[in-house]
Amino acid sequence: MAIQTVSDTDFDQVTGSGTVLVDFWAEWCGPCKMIAPIIDELAGEMPNVTFAKLNVDHNQQTAQKLGITAIPTLVLYKDGQVVDKVMGLLPKPQLKTFIEKHQ
């Protein structure tokens, strides 16, 4: 499944139903670039999860509203509600477990 790019405008709509993992990132962030291929792989392996990316430089309103102070930050939503959050670069097995424990 493709990873959706979300913005301040459509963020609530994208995270409103189902299980959604949002990657808060920026172009200049080295760890963000390192975790991107891991998220791509998981998106292909976990069809019941929506994967989305929000560029914090271009969508500061949502990042500020959610208190995102470090990137990468991964926020897991279930039917519009935040169920978990993790900051930093995680190896693929850890990230997969992080998601699966909330399904």
PDB file of N, CA and C in Angstrom:
ATOM      1  N   MET A   1       0.849  -1.186   0.000  1.00  0.00           N
ATOM      2  CA  MET A   1       0.000   0.000   0.000  1.00  0.00           C
ATOM      3  C   MET A   1       0.890   1.243   0.000  1.00  0.00           C
ATOM      4  N   ALA A   2       0.488   2.238  -0.736  1.00  0.00           N
ATOM      5  CA  ALA A   2       1.266   3.474  -0.827  1.00  0.00           C
ATOM      6  C   ALA A   2       1.149   4.284   0.469  1.00  0.00           C
ATOM      7  N   ILE A   3       2.172   5.034   0.718  1.00  0.00           N
ATOM      8  CA  ILE A   3       2.169   5.917   1.886  1.00  0.00           C
ATOM      9  C   ILE A   3       1.533   7.237   1.467  1.00  0.00           C
ATOM     10  N   GLN A   4       0.579   7.686   2.275  1.00  0.00           N
ATOM     11  CA  GLN A   4      -0.117   8.938   1.975  1.00  0.00           C
ATOM     12  C   GLN A   4       0.674  10.117   2.518  1.00  0.00           C
ATOM     13  N   THR A   5       0.682  11.197   1.771  1.00  0.00           N
ATOM     14  CA  THR A   5       1.231  12.451   2.262  1.00  0.00           C
ATOM     15  C   THR A   5       0.055  13.239   2.822  1.00  0.00           C
ATOM     16  N   VAL A   6       0.157  13.641   4.091  1.00  0.00           N
ATOM     17  CA  VAL A   6      -0.938  14.391   4.708  1.00  0.00           C
ATOM     18  C   VAL A   6      -0.480  15.809   5.014  1.00  0.00           C
ATOM     19  N   SER A   7      -1.447  16.693   5.183  1.00  0.00           N
ATOM     20  CA  SER A   7      -1.180  18.103   5.463  1.00  0.00           C
ATOM     21  C   SER A   7      -2.094  18.562   6.593  1.00  0.00           C
ATOM     22  N   ASP A   8      -1.901  19.805   6.992  1.00  0.00           N
ATOM     23  CA  ASP A   8      -2.778  20.393   8.009  1.00  0.00           C
ATOM     24  C   ASP A   8      -4.241  20.279   7.578  1.00  0.00           C
ATOM     25  N   THR A   9      -4.491  20.406   6.298  1.00  0.00           N
ATOM     26  CA  THR A   9      -5.853  20.430   5.762  1.00  0.00           C
ATOM     27  C   THR A   9      -6.571  19.094   5.882  1.00  0.00           C
ATOM     28  N   ASP A  10      -5.890  17.990   5.559  1.00  0.00           N
ATOM     29  CA  ASP A  10      -6.578  16.695   5.529  1.00  0.00           C
ATOM     30  C   ASP A  10      -6.165  15.737   6.656  1.00  0.00           C
ATOM     31  N   PHE A  11      -5.411  16.215   7.622  1.00  0.00           N
ATOM     32  CA  PHE A  11      -4.886  15.362   8.677  1.00  0.00           C
ATOM     33  C   PHE A  11      -5.996  14.637   9.447  1.00  0.00           C
ATOM     34  N   ASP A  12      -6.997  15.367   9.907  1.00  0.00           N
ATOM     35  CA  ASP A  12      -8.077  14.758  10.697  1.00  0.00           C
ATOM     36  C   ASP A  12      -8.860  13.726   9.880  1.00  0.00           C
ATOM     37  N   GLN A  13      -9.040  13.994   8.610  1.00  0.00           N
ATOM     38  CA  GLN A  13      -9.764  13.066   7.742  1.00  0.00           C
ATOM     39  C   GLN A  13      -8.980  11.766   7.577  1.00  0.00           C
ATOM     40  N   VAL A  14      -7.676  11.857   7.349  1.00  0.00           N
ATOM     41  CA  VAL A  14      -6.853  10.669   7.127  1.00  0.00           C
ATOM     42  C   VAL A  14      -6.737   9.827   8.394  1.00  0.00           C
ATOM     43  N   THR A  15      -6.619  10.473   9.551  1.00  0.00           N
ATOM     44  CA  THR A  15      -6.436   9.736  10.817  1.00  0.00           C
ATOM     45  C   THR A  15      -7.754   9.362  11.479  1.00  0.00           C
ATOM     46  N   GLY A  16      -8.868   9.704  10.863  1.00  0.00           N
ATOM     47  CA  GLY A  16     -10.174   9.544  11.496  1.00  0.00           C
ATOM     48  C   GLY A  16     -10.726   8.141  11.622  1.00  0.00           C
ATOM     49  N   SER A  17     -10.268   7.211  10.791  1.00  0.00           N
ATOM     50  CA  SER A  17     -10.819   5.854  10.902  1.00  0.00           C
ATOM     51  C   SER A  17      -9.738   4.819  10.630  1.00  0.00           C
ATOM     52  N   GLY A  18      -9.868   3.696  11.322  1.00  0.00           N
ATOM     53  CA  GLY A  18      -8.911   2.611  11.169  1.00  0.00           C
ATOM     54  C   GLY A  18      -7.627   2.871  11.936  1.00  0.00           C
ATOM     55  N   THR A  19      -6.628   2.041  11.675  1.00  0.00           N
ATOM     56  CA  THR A  19      -5.311   2.189  12.288  1.00  0.00           C
ATOM     57  C   THR A  19      -4.425   2.956  11.327  1.00  0.00           C
ATOM     58  N   VAL A  20      -3.871   4.058  11.815  1.00  0.00           N
ATOM     59  CA  VAL A  20      -3.059   4.939  10.976  1.00  0.00           C
ATOM     60  C   VAL A  20      -1.769   5.277  11.711  1.00  0.00           C
ATOM     61  N   LEU A  21      -0.630   5.051  11.049  1.00  0.00           N
ATOM     62  CA  LEU A  21       0.662   5.458  11.588  1.00  0.00           C
ATOM     63  C   LEU A  21       1.105   6.693  10.832  1.00  0.00           C
ATOM     64  N   VAL A  22       1.333   7.782  11.565  1.00  0.00           N
ATOM     65  CA  VAL A  22       1.770   9.025  10.938  1.00  0.00           C
ATOM     66  C   VAL A  22       3.232   9.268  11.302  1.00  0.00           C
ATOM     67  N   ASP A  23       4.039   9.458  10.284  1.00  0.00           N
ATOM     68  CA  ASP A  23       5.453   9.777  10.430  1.00  0.00           C
ATOM     69  C   ASP A  23       5.611  11.284  10.291  1.00  0.00           C
ATOM     70  N   PHE A  24       5.981  11.949  11.383  1.00  0.00           N
ATOM     71  CA  PHE A  24       6.266  13.383  11.365  1.00  0.00           C
ATOM     72  C   PHE A  24       7.743  13.532  11.032  1.00  0.00           C
ATOM     73  N   TRP A  25       8.056  14.231   9.940  1.00  0.00           N
ATOM     74  CA  TRP A  25       9.413  14.263   9.417  1.00  0.00           C
ATOM     75  C   TRP A  25       9.720  15.616   8.784  1.00  0.00           C
ATOM     76  N   ALA A  26      10.983  15.772   8.349  1.00  0.00           N
ATOM     77  CA  ALA A  26      11.413  16.952   7.593  1.00  0.00           C
ATOM     78  C   ALA A  26      12.532  16.531   6.640  1.00  0.00           C
ATOM     79  N   GLU A  27      12.682  17.285   5.554  1.00  0.00           N
ATOM     80  CA  GLU A  27      13.689  16.979   4.528  1.00  0.00           C
ATOM     81  C   GLU A  27      15.104  16.943   5.097  1.00  0.00           C
ATOM     82  N   TRP A  28      15.412  17.818   6.019  1.00  0.00           N
ATOM     83  CA  TRP A  28      16.770  17.972   6.548  1.00  0.00           C
ATOM     84  C   TRP A  28      17.124  16.956   7.632  1.00  0.00           C
ATOM     85  N   CYS A  29      16.197  16.116   8.022  1.00  0.00           N
ATOM     86  CA  CYS A  29      16.365  15.200   9.155  1.00  0.00           C
ATOM     87  C   CYS A  29      16.986  13.872   8.703  1.00  0.00           C
ATOM     88  N   GLY A  30      18.217  13.614   9.116  1.00  0.00           N
ATOM     89  CA  GLY A  30      18.904  12.377   8.765  1.00  0.00           C
ATOM     90  C   GLY A  30      18.181  11.116   9.226  1.00  0.00           C
ATOM     91  N   PRO A  31      17.810  11.016  10.521  1.00  0.00           N
ATOM     92  CA  PRO A  31      17.084   9.833  10.974  1.00  0.00           C
ATOM     93  C   PRO A  31      15.742   9.639  10.243  1.00  0.00           C
ATOM     94  N   CYS A  32      15.121  10.733   9.829  1.00  0.00           N
ATOM     95  CA  CYS A  32      13.862  10.626   9.073  1.00  0.00           C
ATOM     96  C   CYS A  32      14.108   9.914   7.746  1.00  0.00           C
ATOM     97  N   LYS A  33      15.222  10.229   7.108  1.00  0.00           N
ATOM     98  CA  LYS A  33      15.569   9.585   5.840  1.00  0.00           C
ATOM     99  C   LYS A  33      15.901   8.116   6.054  1.00  0.00           C
ATOM    100  N   MET A  34      16.467   7.788   7.217  1.00  0.00           N
ATOM    101  CA  MET A  34      16.833   6.402   7.506  1.00  0.00           C
ATOM    102  C   MET A  34      15.616   5.530   7.809  1.00  0.00           C
ATOM    103  N   ILE A  35      14.582   6.106   8.411  1.00  0.00           N
ATOM    104  CA  ILE A  35      13.405   5.314   8.762  1.00  0.00           C
ATOM    105  C   ILE A  35      12.428   5.186   7.588  1.00  0.00           C
ATOM    106  N   ALA A  36      12.544   6.055   6.607  1.00  0.00           N
ATOM    107  CA  ALA A  36      11.610   6.043   5.473  1.00  0.00           C
ATOM    108  C   ALA A  36      11.541   4.687   4.760  1.00  0.00           C
ATOM    109  N   PRO A  37      12.675   4.029   4.444  1.00  0.00           N
ATOM    110  CA  PRO A  37      12.564   2.725   3.772  1.00  0.00           C
ATOM    111  C   PRO A  37      11.924   1.654   4.654  1.00  0.00           C
ATOM    112  N   ILE A  38      12.109   1.760   5.955  1.00  0.00           N
ATOM    113  CA  ILE A  38      11.484   0.808   6.888  1.00  0.00           C
ATOM    114  C   ILE A  38       9.968   0.972   6.833  1.00  0.00           C
ATOM    115  N   ILE A  39       9.514   2.214   6.840  1.00  0.00           N
ATOM    116  CA  ILE A  39       8.077   2.483   6.765  1.00  0.00           C
ATOM    117  C   ILE A  39       7.525   2.015   5.419  1.00  0.00           C
ATOM    118  N   ASP A  40       8.288   2.213   4.351  1.00  0.00           N
ATOM    119  CA  ASP A  40       7.871   1.727   3.025  1.00  0.00           C
ATOM    120  C   ASP A  40       7.671   0.219   3.038  1.00  0.00           C
ATOM    121  N   GLU A  41       8.618  -0.508   3.635  1.00  0.00           N
ATOM    122  CA  GLU A  41       8.511  -1.970   3.709  1.00  0.00           C
ATOM    123  C   GLU A  41       7.282  -2.391   4.504  1.00  0.00           C
ATOM    124  N   LEU A  42       7.074  -1.756   5.658  1.00  0.00           N
ATOM    125  CA  LEU A  42       5.931  -2.120   6.501  1.00  0.00           C
ATOM    126  C   LEU A  42       4.609  -1.806   5.809  1.00  0.00           C
ATOM    127  N   ALA A  43       4.574  -0.731   5.044  1.00  0.00           N
ATOM    128  CA  ALA A  43       3.353  -0.380   4.310  1.00  0.00           C
ATOM    129  C   ALA A  43       2.988  -1.498   3.331  1.00  0.00           C
ATOM    130  N   GLY A  44       3.980  -2.155   2.776  1.00  0.00           N
ATOM    131  CA  GLY A  44       3.725  -3.261   1.868  1.00  0.00           C
ATOM    132  C   GLY A  44       3.346  -4.545   2.584  1.00  0.00           C
ATOM    133  N   GLU A  45       3.739  -4.668   3.857  1.00  0.00           N
ATOM    134  CA  GLU A  45       3.483  -5.889   4.616  1.00  0.00           C
ATOM    135  C   GLU A  45       2.239  -5.833   5.495  1.00  0.00           C
ATOM    136  N   MET A  46       1.736  -4.642   5.757  1.00  0.00           N
ATOM    137  CA  MET A  46       0.627  -4.476   6.708  1.00  0.00           C
ATOM    138  C   MET A  46      -0.543  -3.757   6.019  1.00  0.00           C
ATOM    139  N   PRO A  47      -1.327  -4.487   5.221  1.00  0.00           N
ATOM    140  CA  PRO A  47      -2.397  -3.848   4.453  1.00  0.00           C
ATOM    141  C   PRO A  47      -3.537  -3.285   5.305  1.00  0.00           C
ATOM    142  N   ASN A  48      -3.646  -3.704   6.556  1.00  0.00           N
ATOM    143  CA  ASN A  48      -4.733  -3.205   7.415  1.00  0.00           C
ATOM    144  C   ASN A  48      -4.367  -1.904   8.131  1.00  0.00           C
ATOM    145  N   VAL A  49      -3.176  -1.394   7.864  1.00  0.00           N
ATOM    146  CA  VAL A  49      -2.717  -0.158   8.486  1.00  0.00           C
ATOM    147  C   VAL A  49      -2.501   0.883   7.395  1.00  0.00           C
ATOM    148  N   THR A  50      -2.964   2.103   7.647  1.00  0.00           N
ATOM    149  CA  THR A  50      -2.675   3.214   6.742  1.00  0.00           C
ATOM    150  C   THR A  50      -1.397   3.877   7.224  1.00  0.00           C
ATOM    151  N   PHE A  51      -0.466   4.101   6.320  1.00  0.00           N
ATOM    152  CA  PHE A  51       0.782   4.781   6.643  1.00  0.00           C
ATOM    153  C   PHE A  51       0.757   6.159   6.005  1.00  0.00           C
ATOM    154  N   ALA A  52       1.102   7.174   6.801  1.00  0.00           N
ATOM    155  CA  ALA A  52       1.050   8.550   6.315  1.00  0.00           C
ATOM    156  C   ALA A  52       2.282   9.311   6.787  1.00  0.00           C
ATOM    157  N   LYS A  53       2.643  10.344   6.029  1.00  0.00           N
ATOM    158  CA  LYS A  53       3.787  11.192   6.367  1.00  0.00           C
ATOM    159  C   LYS A  53       3.323  12.644   6.398  1.00  0.00           C
ATOM    160  N   LEU A  54       3.781  13.379   7.403  1.00  0.00           N
ATOM    161  CA  LEU A  54       3.478  14.802   7.499  1.00  0.00           C
ATOM    162  C   LEU A  54       4.789  15.560   7.644  1.00  0.00           C
ATOM    163  N   ASN A  55       5.079  16.417   6.695  1.00  0.00           N
ATOM    164  CA  ASN A  55       6.286  17.245   6.728  1.00  0.00           C
ATOM    165  C   ASN A  55       6.049  18.388   7.718  1.00  0.00           C
ATOM    166  N   VAL A  56       6.807  18.400   8.817  1.00  0.00           N
ATOM    167  CA  VAL A  56       6.573  19.388   9.879  1.00  0.00           C
ATOM    168  C   VAL A  56       6.958  20.806   9.457  1.00  0.00           C
ATOM    169  N   ASP A  57       7.850  20.933   8.481  1.00  0.00           N
ATOM    170  CA  ASP A  57       8.220  22.268   8.001  1.00  0.00           C
ATOM    171  C   ASP A  57       7.092  22.904   7.205  1.00  0.00           C
ATOM    172  N   HIS A  58       6.322  22.086   6.491  1.00  0.00           N
ATOM    173  CA  HIS A  58       5.245  22.603   5.653  1.00  0.00           C
ATOM    174  C   HIS A  58       3.888  22.577   6.342  1.00  0.00           C
ATOM    175  N   ASN A  59       3.783  21.905   7.482  1.00  0.00           N
ATOM    176  CA  ASN A  59       2.501  21.734   8.182  1.00  0.00           C
ATOM    177  C   ASN A  59       2.699  21.961   9.681  1.00  0.00           C
ATOM    178  N   GLN A  60       3.116  23.153  10.015  1.00  0.00           N
ATOM    179  CA  GLN A  60       3.467  23.459  11.403  1.00  0.00           C
ATOM    180  C   GLN A  60       2.266  23.479  12.338  1.00  0.00           C
ATOM    181  N   GLN A  61       1.095  23.787  11.827  1.00  0.00           N
ATOM    182  CA  GLN A  61      -0.102  23.869  12.669  1.00  0.00           C
ATOM    183  C   GLN A  61      -0.397  22.529  13.337  1.00  0.00           C
ATOM    184  N   THR A  62      -0.412  21.459  12.567  1.00  0.00           N
ATOM    185  CA  THR A  62      -0.703  20.135  13.121  1.00  0.00           C
ATOM    186  C   THR A  62       0.407  19.693  14.068  1.00  0.00           C
ATOM    187  N   ALA A  63       1.654  19.895  13.679  1.00  0.00           N
ATOM    188  CA  ALA A  63       2.777  19.503  14.524  1.00  0.00           C
ATOM    189  C   ALA A  63       2.733  20.231  15.866  1.00  0.00           C
ATOM    190  N   GLN A  64       2.428  21.509  15.851  1.00  0.00           N
ATOM    191  CA  GLN A  64       2.341  22.287  17.096  1.00  0.00           C
ATOM    192  C   GLN A  64       1.159  21.829  17.939  1.00  0.00           C
ATOM    193  N   LYS A  65       0.024  21.600  17.306  1.00  0.00           N
ATOM    194  CA  LYS A  65      -1.178  21.171  18.024  1.00  0.00           C
ATOM    195  C   LYS A  65      -0.939  19.855  18.768  1.00  0.00           C
ATOM    196  N   LEU A  66      -0.141  18.969  18.156  1.00  0.00           N
ATOM    197  CA  LEU A  66       0.121  17.658  18.756  1.00  0.00           C
ATOM    198  C   LEU A  66       1.364  17.644  19.636  1.00  0.00           C
ATOM    199  N   GLY A  67       2.051  18.772  19.747  1.00  0.00           N
ATOM    200  CA  GLY A  67       3.223  18.846  20.610  1.00  0.00           C
ATOM    201  C   GLY A  67       4.420  18.074  20.087  1.00  0.00           C
ATOM    202  N   ILE A  68       4.575  18.019  18.768  1.00  0.00           N
ATOM    203  CA  ILE A  68       5.714  17.323  18.172  1.00  0.00           C
ATOM    204  C   ILE A  68       6.944  18.212  18.347  1.00  0.00           C
ATOM    205  N   THR A  69       7.895  17.757  19.169  1.00  0.00           N
ATOM    206  CA  THR A  69       9.081  18.558  19.468  1.00  0.00           C
ATOM    207  C   THR A  69      10.361  17.949  18.924  1.00  0.00           C
ATOM    208  N   ALA A  70      10.304  16.723  18.449  1.00  0.00           N
ATOM    209  CA  ALA A  70      11.472  16.051  17.888  1.00  0.00           C
ATOM    210  C   ALA A  70      11.012  15.197  16.708  1.00  0.00           C
ATOM    211  N   ILE A  71      11.904  15.026  15.753  1.00  0.00           N
ATOM    212  CA  ILE A  71      11.573  14.177  14.615  1.00  0.00           C
ATOM    213  C   ILE A  71      12.717  13.208  14.359  1.00  0.00           C
ATOM    214  N   PRO A  72      12.439  12.036  13.830  1.00  0.00           N
ATOM    215  CA  PRO A  72      11.104  11.563  13.499  1.00  0.00           C
ATOM    216  C   PRO A  72      10.297  11.220  14.749  1.00  0.00           C
ATOM    217  N   THR A  73       9.025  11.544  14.700  1.00  0.00           N
ATOM    218  CA  THR A  73       8.062  11.095  15.696  1.00  0.00           C
ATOM    219  C   THR A  73       6.996  10.313  14.948  1.00  0.00           C
ATOM    220  N   LEU A  74       6.690   9.138  15.460  1.00  0.00           N
ATOM    221  CA  LEU A  74       5.666   8.290  14.863  1.00  0.00           C
ATOM    222  C   LEU A  74       4.491   8.230  15.818  1.00  0.00           C
ATOM    223  N   VAL A  75       3.319   8.607  15.330  1.00  0.00           N
ATOM    224  CA  VAL A  75       2.114   8.625  16.147  1.00  0.00           C
ATOM    225  C   VAL A  75       1.129   7.623  15.555  1.00  0.00           C
ATOM    226  N   LEU A  76       0.631   6.748  16.420  1.00  0.00           N
ATOM    227  CA  LEU A  76      -0.308   5.713  15.993  1.00  0.00           C
ATOM    228  C   LEU A  76      -1.722   6.104  16.412  1.00  0.00           C
ATOM    229  N   TYR A  77      -2.610   6.141  15.433  1.00  0.00           N
ATOM    230  CA  TYR A  77      -4.017   6.494  15.649  1.00  0.00           C
ATOM    231  C   TYR A  77      -4.882   5.260  15.454  1.00  0.00           C
ATOM    232  N   LYS A  78      -5.946   5.200  16.232  1.00  0.00           N
ATOM    233  CA  LYS A  78      -6.978   4.167  16.063  1.00  0.00           C
ATOM    234  C   LYS A  78      -8.313   4.899  16.073  1.00  0.00           C
ATOM    235  N   ASP A  79      -8.979   4.908  14.934  1.00  0.00           N
ATOM    236  CA  ASP A  79     -10.278   5.584  14.779  1.00  0.00           C
ATOM    237  C   ASP A  79     -10.252   7.021  15.305  1.00  0.00           C
ATOM    238  N   GLY A  80      -9.213   7.754  14.919  1.00  0.00           N
ATOM    239  CA  GLY A  80      -9.122   9.172  15.242  1.00  0.00           C
ATOM    240  C   GLY A  80      -8.497   9.510  16.586  1.00  0.00           C
ATOM    241  N   GLN A  81      -8.193   8.509  17.392  1.00  0.00           N
ATOM    242  CA  GLN A  81      -7.619   8.748  18.719  1.00  0.00           C
ATOM    243  C   GLN A  81      -6.155   8.301  18.749  1.00  0.00           C
ATOM    244  N   VAL A  82      -5.307   9.109  19.384  1.00  0.00           N
ATOM    245  CA  VAL A  82      -3.905   8.717  19.559  1.00  0.00           C
ATOM    246  C   VAL A  82      -3.856   7.561  20.551  1.00  0.00           C
ATOM    247  N   VAL A  83      -3.220   6.458  20.136  1.00  0.00           N
ATOM    248  CA  VAL A  83      -3.087   5.307  21.033  1.00  0.00           C
ATOM    249  C   VAL A  83      -1.647   5.097  21.489  1.00  0.00           C
ATOM    250  N   ASP A  84      -0.676   5.635  20.725  1.00  0.00           N
ATOM    251  CA  ASP A  84       0.721   5.503  21.132  1.00  0.00           C
ATOM    252  C   ASP A  84       1.573   6.445  20.305  1.00  0.00           C
ATOM    253  N   LYS A  85       2.770   6.717  20.818  1.00  0.00           N
ATOM    254  CA  LYS A  85       3.688   7.626  20.135  1.00  0.00           C
ATOM    255  C   LYS A  85       5.105   7.205  20.482  1.00  0.00           C
ATOM    256  N   VAL A  86       5.991   7.300  19.506  1.00  0.00           N
ATOM    257  CA  VAL A  86       7.395   6.986  19.732  1.00  0.00           C
ATOM    258  C   VAL A  86       8.247   7.983  18.948  1.00  0.00           C
ATOM    259  N   MET A  87       9.373   8.379  19.544  1.00  0.00           N
ATOM    260  CA  MET A  87      10.276   9.311  18.881  1.00  0.00           C
ATOM    261  C   MET A  87      11.574   8.605  18.538  1.00  0.00           C
ATOM    262  N   GLY A  88      12.146   8.985  17.412  1.00  0.00           N
ATOM    263  CA  GLY A  88      13.444   8.470  17.028  1.00  0.00           C
ATOM    264  C   GLY A  88      13.367   7.335  16.028  1.00  0.00           C
ATOM    265  N   LEU A  89      14.546   6.875  15.657  1.00  0.00           N
ATOM    266  CA  LEU A  89      14.695   5.824  14.664  1.00  0.00           C
ATOM    267  C   LEU A  89      14.565   4.465  15.334  1.00  0.00           C
ATOM    268  N   LEU A  90      13.620   3.655  14.849  1.00  0.00           N
ATOM    269  CA  LEU A  90      13.429   2.303  15.371  1.00  0.00           C
ATOM    270  C   LEU A  90      13.793   1.292  14.291  1.00  0.00           C
ATOM    271  N   PRO A  91      14.400   0.162  14.683  1.00  0.00           N
ATOM    272  CA  PRO A  91      14.592  -0.907  13.716  1.00  0.00           C
ATOM    273  C   PRO A  91      13.239  -1.488  13.306  1.00  0.00           C
ATOM    274  N   LYS A  92      13.202  -2.107  12.141  1.00  0.00           N
ATOM    275  CA  LYS A  92      11.949  -2.627  11.594  1.00  0.00           C
ATOM    276  C   LYS A  92      11.202  -3.552  12.558  1.00  0.00           C
ATOM    277  N   PRO A  93      11.851  -4.542  13.192  1.00  0.00           N
ATOM    278  CA  PRO A  93      11.091  -5.429  14.088  1.00  0.00           C
ATOM    279  C   PRO A  93      10.430  -4.678  15.245  1.00  0.00           C
ATOM    280  N   GLN A  94      11.124  -3.694  15.791  1.00  0.00           N
ATOM    281  CA  GLN A  94      10.552  -2.915  16.896  1.00  0.00           C
ATOM    282  C   GLN A  94       9.372  -2.086  16.430  1.00  0.00           C
ATOM    283  N   LEU A  95       9.500  -1.482  15.264  1.00  0.00           N
ATOM    284  CA  LEU A  95       8.416  -0.654  14.739  1.00  0.00           C
ATOM    285  C   LEU A  95       7.193  -1.505  14.421  1.00  0.00           C
ATOM    286  N   LYS A  96       7.419  -2.688  13.864  1.00  0.00           N
ATOM    287  CA  LYS A  96       6.304  -3.582  13.547  1.00  0.00           C
ATOM    288  C   LYS A  96       5.581  -4.010  14.832  1.00  0.00           C
ATOM    289  N   THR A  97       6.336  -4.339  15.863  1.00  0.00           N
ATOM    290  CA  THR A  97       5.745  -4.716  17.156  1.00  0.00           C
ATOM    291  C   THR A  97       4.969  -3.547  17.753  1.00  0.00           C
ATOM    292  N   PHE A  98       5.524  -2.335  17.642  1.00  0.00           N
ATOM    293  CA  PHE A  98       4.862  -1.119  18.131  1.00  0.00           C
ATOM    294  C   PHE A  98       3.468  -0.987  17.510  1.00  0.00           C
ATOM    295  N   ILE A  99       3.371  -1.242  16.210  1.00  0.00           N
ATOM    296  CA  ILE A  99       2.086  -1.138  15.512  1.00  0.00           C
ATOM    297  C   ILE A  99       1.159  -2.290  15.881  1.00  0.00           C
ATOM    298  N   GLU A 100       1.690  -3.507  15.853  1.00  0.00           N
ATOM    299  CA  GLU A 100       0.859  -4.689  16.068  1.00  0.00           C
ATOM    300  C   GLU A 100       0.246  -4.768  17.461  1.00  0.00           C
ATOM    301  N   LYS A 101       0.878  -4.198  18.445  1.00  0.00           N
ATOM    302  CA  LYS A 101       0.318  -4.296  19.792  1.00  0.00           C
ATOM    303  C   LYS A 101      -0.976  -3.496  19.955  1.00  0.00           C
ATOM    304  N   HIS A 102      -1.310  -2.694  18.960  1.00  0.00           N
ATOM    305  CA  HIS A 102      -2.539  -1.882  19.021  1.00  0.00           C
ATOM    306  C   HIS A 102      -3.577  -2.299  17.983  1.00  0.00           C
ATOM    307  N   GLN A 103      -3.360  -3.437  17.322  1.00  0.00           N
ATOM    308  CA  GLN A 103      -4.333  -3.852  16.310  1.00  0.00           C
ATOM    309  C   GLN A 103      -5.368  -4.767  16.895  1.00  0.00           C
TER     310      GLN A 103
END
